[in-house]
Structures are given as structure tokens and as C-alpha cells.
Amino acid sequence: QFEMSNSLSYKVPETSVNKSVNDSQANFYKIEEDFSDLAEKDGLTLKELFANSDGLTYNDILLLPKYVDFPLNSVKLDTQFTKEITLKTPFVSSPMDTISENAMCIGMALQGGIGIIHGNFASPDNQVQEVLKVK
């Protein structure tokens, strides 16, 4: 559910694994239509963003500050990561050996995100020990 202010709320329709990609894209386009009055004149629309088959990296996105007319604590970023795990902050660290070991995964969890322990250990036992440090 997207909550942009106390008076504006939009429940995103659930999609199942069996639905086609076109159905999922249609849901995103519906959201764009519902919030079209909030769109900026520069940047990408949701339709343009999701039509990009190349993907984006951190260097491709720039977030600019802007005045908001709603309380910041009304913004909800809760994201369903799995059936059992809800993230308070929708950030996932990359499972790379230079990124995600126990310290990064603990830090991500403390901020409401999640870290994925990489698999480049000398043995499975070493990876188990790294996971146990996080739990």
C-alpha cells in the first residue's frame, strides 16, 4: 500500500506468480494514472521507467530535495520481501564478497533493510559462521 499523505492512499493490487508480465506492468501504469497530478515535468514517468529493459544502477538515479506538504512520518516504505519478512526500508545489500558480510547485514537490519550473505567462502562452514554472526 502506498501512503502519500493522511488523505491519499492507494492499495496496490496483489499479483500472483501465474500472472503475466503485462498484467504486472498494467498495475504500475494504473498507479501512474492515479498519481498523474503529482508527476514532475522532468525525469521519467513510471511507464518510461519500467519500459527501460536495460535496468538502472545507483549512478542512473538522482533524488532531489523538494518541499513536501505532508508530515514525513506519514510516509510508509514497508515492503513485503517474502511471505514472512517485511522490510521497514526497501533496501537489500548485494550478495558480493566486497559488500555483504556480517557487519553490513547487521547494519542493514538495524536500518530496516536486509543483507544477503555472499557465497564466496572457503567452505560452507565459513558461510554458516558468517550467517550465525548476523542472527
Foldseek 3Di string as FASTA:
>chain_A
DWFQAPVDDDDQDDDDPPDDVVVVLVSQVVVQVVCVVVDDPDDDGSNRQVVPPVDDDPVRDDDDDDDDDHDPVRGFPWDPPDPPDIFRHADEWDQDPVIDFQVNQLVQVVVRYGYDHHDPDPDVVVSVVRVVSND
